[in-house]
Amino acid sequence: MNKSLLVVLISVIGGVAAITAAVTAFLIIREKQRRDEEELEHYLDSSIQ
């Protein structure tokens, strides 16, 4: 029983780590897209004037 509990605990920790990595990657990508859009908007505003 002790060995199966260890396997479950490691599996849960691995799952939480995978979910955390996915959420972090999503947030980083979303922030980069926001910055790129702001940079493009600034470039377009500057080129029109």
C-alpha atoms as a PDB file:
ATOM      1  CA  MET A   1       0.000   0.000   0.000  1.00  0.00           C
ATOM      2  CA  ASN A   2       2.830   2.363   0.781  1.00  0.00           C
ATOM      3  CA  LYS A   3       4.316   2.013  -2.712  1.00  0.00           C
ATOM      4  CA  SER A   4       1.012   2.783  -4.471  1.00  0.00           C
ATOM      5  CA  LEU A   5       0.531   5.866  -2.289  1.00  0.00           C
ATOM      6  CA  LEU A   6       3.937   7.127  -3.399  1.00  0.00           C
ATOM      7  CA  VAL A   7       3.030   6.552  -7.062  1.00  0.00           C
ATOM      8  CA  VAL A   8      -0.231   8.484  -6.630  1.00  0.00           C
ATOM      9  CA  LEU A   9       1.546  11.330  -4.850  1.00  0.00           C
ATOM     10  CA  ILE A  10       4.183  11.602  -7.581  1.00  0.00           C
ATOM     11  CA  SER A  11       1.468  11.492 -10.249  1.00  0.00           C
ATOM     12  CA  VAL A  12      -0.495  14.279  -8.581  1.00  0.00           C
ATOM     13  CA  ILE A  13       2.625  16.442  -8.214  1.00  0.00           C
ATOM     14  CA  GLY A  14       3.497  15.822 -11.873  1.00  0.00           C
ATOM     15  CA  GLY A  15      -0.010  16.741 -12.964  1.00  0.00           C
ATOM     16  CA  VAL A  16       0.022  19.962 -10.976  1.00  0.00           C
ATOM     17  CA  ALA A  17       3.427  20.849 -12.431  1.00  0.00           C
ATOM     18  CA  ALA A  18       2.175  20.216 -15.975  1.00  0.00           C
ATOM     19  CA  ILE A  19      -0.927  22.366 -15.447  1.00  0.00           C
ATOM     20  CA  THR A  20       1.166  25.146 -13.906  1.00  0.00           C
ATOM     21  CA  ALA A  21       3.580  25.071 -16.855  1.00  0.00           C
ATOM     22  CA  ALA A  22       0.711  25.231 -19.350  1.00  0.00           C
ATOM     23  CA  VAL A  23      -0.946  28.186 -17.598  1.00  0.00           C
ATOM     24  CA  THR A  24       2.369  30.025 -17.347  1.00  0.00           C
ATOM     25  CA  ALA A  25       3.099  29.484 -21.042  1.00  0.00           C
ATOM     26  CA  PHE A  26      -0.384  30.731 -21.944  1.00  0.00           C
ATOM     27  CA  LEU A  27       0.056  33.895 -19.869  1.00  0.00           C
ATOM     28  CA  ILE A  28       3.504  34.610 -21.320  1.00  0.00           C
ATOM     29  CA  ILE A  29       2.255  34.184 -24.886  1.00  0.00           C
ATOM     30  CA  ARG A  30      -0.791  36.381 -24.233  1.00  0.00           C
ATOM     31  CA  GLU A  31       1.396  39.127 -22.718  1.00  0.00           C
ATOM     32  CA  LYS A  32       3.784  38.995 -25.699  1.00  0.00           C
ATOM     33  CA  GLN A  33       0.877  39.309 -28.141  1.00  0.00           C
ATOM     34  CA  ARG A  34      -0.447  42.311 -26.203  1.00  0.00           C
ATOM     35  CA  ARG A  35       2.959  44.005 -26.323  1.00  0.00           C
ATOM     36  CA  ASP A  36       3.314  43.256 -30.050  1.00  0.00           C
ATOM     37  CA  GLU A  37      -0.109  44.781 -30.739  1.00  0.00           C
ATOM     38  CA  GLU A  38       0.772  47.899 -28.752  1.00  0.00           C
ATOM     39  CA  GLU A  39       4.078  48.212 -30.610  1.00  0.00           C
ATOM     40  CA  LEU A  40       2.336  47.812 -33.975  1.00  0.00           C
ATOM     41  CA  GLU A  41      -0.294  50.380 -33.019  1.00  0.00           C
ATOM     42  CA  HIS A  42       2.417  52.847 -31.985  1.00  0.00           C
ATOM     43  CA  TYR A  43       4.300  52.222 -35.253  1.00  0.00           C
ATOM     44  CA  LEU A  44       1.161  52.759 -37.328  1.00  0.00           C
ATOM     45  CA  ASP A  45       0.262  55.940 -35.416  1.00  0.00           C
ATOM     46  CA  SER A  46       3.787  57.277 -35.944  1.00  0.00           C
ATOM     47  CA  SER A  47       3.863  56.476 -39.642  1.00  0.00           C
ATOM     48  CA  ILE A  48       0.546  58.225 -40.329  1.00  0.00           C
ATOM     49  CA  GLN A  49       1.693  61.558 -38.901  1.00  0.00           C
END
